[in-house]
Amino acid sequence: MAYEPCRYAQRWPDLFDQLDDDQKQRVSDALANNPVENWEPERDDVSDLVDRELGRIDTAEYIRRTMSKVTSDPA
């Protein structure tokens, strides 16, 4: 099956251009399969996922970045 760009790939194609089709599909699947109520991924969220897919960061760093966003005080 050929990769079909997800809405995030259409919104930020430069992030997805770095990936091969299999990687693009995995990132798209991760975004689609992990919906959190009232959460819309921002560019930096997708960028972190792409960095994880490309091996630029490990899983622990990906989790640390994600938790830091979730637990940060917006005030």
C-alpha atoms as a PDB file:
ATOM      1  CA  MET A   1       0.000   0.000   0.000  1.00  0.00           C
ATOM      2  CA  ALA A   2       1.350   3.414  -0.949  1.00  0.00           C
ATOM      3  CA  TYR A   3       1.795   6.079   1.665  1.00  0.00           C
ATOM      4  CA  GLU A   4      -0.943   8.709   1.720  1.00  0.00           C
ATOM      5  CA  PRO A   5       0.102  11.961   3.413  1.00  0.00           C
ATOM      6  CA  CYS A   6      -1.725  12.616   6.654  1.00  0.00           C
ATOM      7  CA  ARG A   7      -2.978  16.083   7.542  1.00  0.00           C
ATOM      8  CA  TYR A   8       0.183  16.779   9.541  1.00  0.00           C
ATOM      9  CA  ALA A   9       2.360  15.877   6.550  1.00  0.00           C
ATOM     10  CA  GLN A  10       0.265  18.242   4.484  1.00  0.00           C
ATOM     11  CA  ARG A  11       0.565  20.982   7.112  1.00  0.00           C
ATOM     12  CA  TRP A  12       4.329  20.572   7.705  1.00  0.00           C
ATOM     13  CA  PRO A  13       5.745  18.794   4.643  1.00  0.00           C
ATOM     14  CA  ASP A  14       9.319  19.830   5.493  1.00  0.00           C
ATOM     15  CA  LEU A  15       9.214  17.598   8.577  1.00  0.00           C
ATOM     16  CA  PHE A  16       8.047  14.584   6.585  1.00  0.00           C
ATOM     17  CA  ASP A  17      10.420  15.201   3.653  1.00  0.00           C
ATOM     18  CA  GLN A  18      13.224  13.832   5.835  1.00  0.00           C
ATOM     19  CA  LEU A  19      11.530  10.424   6.081  1.00  0.00           C
ATOM     20  CA  ASP A  20      11.183   7.517   3.691  1.00  0.00           C
ATOM     21  CA  ASP A  21       7.670   6.223   2.974  1.00  0.00           C
ATOM     22  CA  ASP A  22       7.779   3.556   5.701  1.00  0.00           C
ATOM     23  CA  GLN A  23       8.890   6.109   8.276  1.00  0.00           C
ATOM     24  CA  LYS A  24       6.227   8.561   7.118  1.00  0.00           C
ATOM     25  CA  GLN A  25       3.609   5.871   7.575  1.00  0.00           C
ATOM     26  CA  ARG A  26       4.830   5.010  11.078  1.00  0.00           C
ATOM     27  CA  VAL A  27       4.760   8.673  12.149  1.00  0.00           C
ATOM     28  CA  SER A  28       1.310   9.134  10.606  1.00  0.00           C
ATOM     29  CA  ASP A  29       0.049   5.990  12.328  1.00  0.00           C
ATOM     30  CA  ALA A  30       1.458   7.142  15.670  1.00  0.00           C
ATOM     31  CA  LEU A  31      -0.362  10.458  15.337  1.00  0.00           C
ATOM     32  CA  ALA A  32      -3.609   8.802  14.275  1.00  0.00           C
ATOM     33  CA  ASN A  33      -3.534   5.962  16.809  1.00  0.00           C
ATOM     34  CA  ASN A  34      -2.793   8.011  19.900  1.00  0.00           C
ATOM     35  CA  PRO A  35      -5.610  10.507  20.100  1.00  0.00           C
ATOM     36  CA  VAL A  36      -5.812  12.382  23.359  1.00  0.00           C
ATOM     37  CA  GLU A  37      -9.041  14.158  24.105  1.00  0.00           C
ATOM     38  CA  ASN A  38      -8.858  17.843  23.132  1.00  0.00           C
ATOM     39  CA  TRP A  39      -5.226  17.541  21.987  1.00  0.00           C
ATOM     40  CA  GLU A  40      -4.109  18.701  18.585  1.00  0.00           C
ATOM     41  CA  PRO A  41      -0.414  18.055  17.883  1.00  0.00           C
ATOM     42  CA  GLU A  42       1.620  21.189  17.273  1.00  0.00           C
ATOM     43  CA  ARG A  43       4.622  21.411  14.964  1.00  0.00           C
ATOM     44  CA  ASP A  44       7.081  20.729  17.797  1.00  0.00           C
ATOM     45  CA  ASP A  45       5.142  17.586  18.790  1.00  0.00           C
ATOM     46  CA  VAL A  46       5.372  16.234  15.248  1.00  0.00           C
ATOM     47  CA  SER A  47       9.015  17.302  15.010  1.00  0.00           C
ATOM     48  CA  ASP A  48       9.841  15.348  18.172  1.00  0.00           C
ATOM     49  CA  LEU A  49       8.151  12.265  16.741  1.00  0.00           C
ATOM     50  CA  VAL A  50      10.092  12.652  13.483  1.00  0.00           C
ATOM     51  CA  ASP A  51      13.330  13.048  15.468  1.00  0.00           C
ATOM     52  CA  ARG A  52      12.512   9.826  17.319  1.00  0.00           C
ATOM     53  CA  GLU A  53      11.796   8.013  14.058  1.00  0.00           C
ATOM     54  CA  LEU A  54      15.098   9.219  12.577  1.00  0.00           C
ATOM     55  CA  GLY A  55      17.043   8.167  15.669  1.00  0.00           C
ATOM     56  CA  ARG A  56      18.070  11.723  16.549  1.00  0.00           C
ATOM     57  CA  ILE A  57      16.602  11.200  20.004  1.00  0.00           C
ATOM     58  CA  ASP A  58      15.899   8.014  21.901  1.00  0.00           C
ATOM     59  CA  THR A  59      12.604   6.960  23.429  1.00  0.00           C
ATOM     60  CA  ALA A  60      13.565   8.284  26.862  1.00  0.00           C
ATOM     61  CA  GLU A  61      14.265  11.750  25.440  1.00  0.00           C
ATOM     62  CA  TYR A  62      11.033  11.678  23.439  1.00  0.00           C
ATOM     63  CA  ILE A  63       9.095  10.864  26.615  1.00  0.00           C
ATOM     64  CA  ARG A  64      10.971  13.544  28.574  1.00  0.00           C
ATOM     65  CA  ARG A  65      10.113  16.188  25.965  1.00  0.00           C
ATOM     66  CA  THR A  66       6.497  15.101  25.836  1.00  0.00           C
ATOM     67  CA  MET A  67       6.129  15.061  29.624  1.00  0.00           C
ATOM     68  CA  SER A  68       7.774  18.454  29.870  1.00  0.00           C
ATOM     69  CA  LYS A  69       5.092  19.904  27.562  1.00  0.00           C
ATOM     70  CA  VAL A  70       2.276  18.203  29.445  1.00  0.00           C
ATOM     71  CA  THR A  71       3.462  19.246  32.883  1.00  0.00           C
ATOM     72  CA  SER A  72       4.639  22.764  32.053  1.00  0.00           C
ATOM     73  CA  ASP A  73       2.829  25.607  33.768  1.00  0.00           C
ATOM     74  CA  PRO A  74       1.298  27.902  31.121  1.00  0.00           C
ATOM     75  CA  ALA A  75       1.194  30.830  33.558  1.00  0.00           C
END
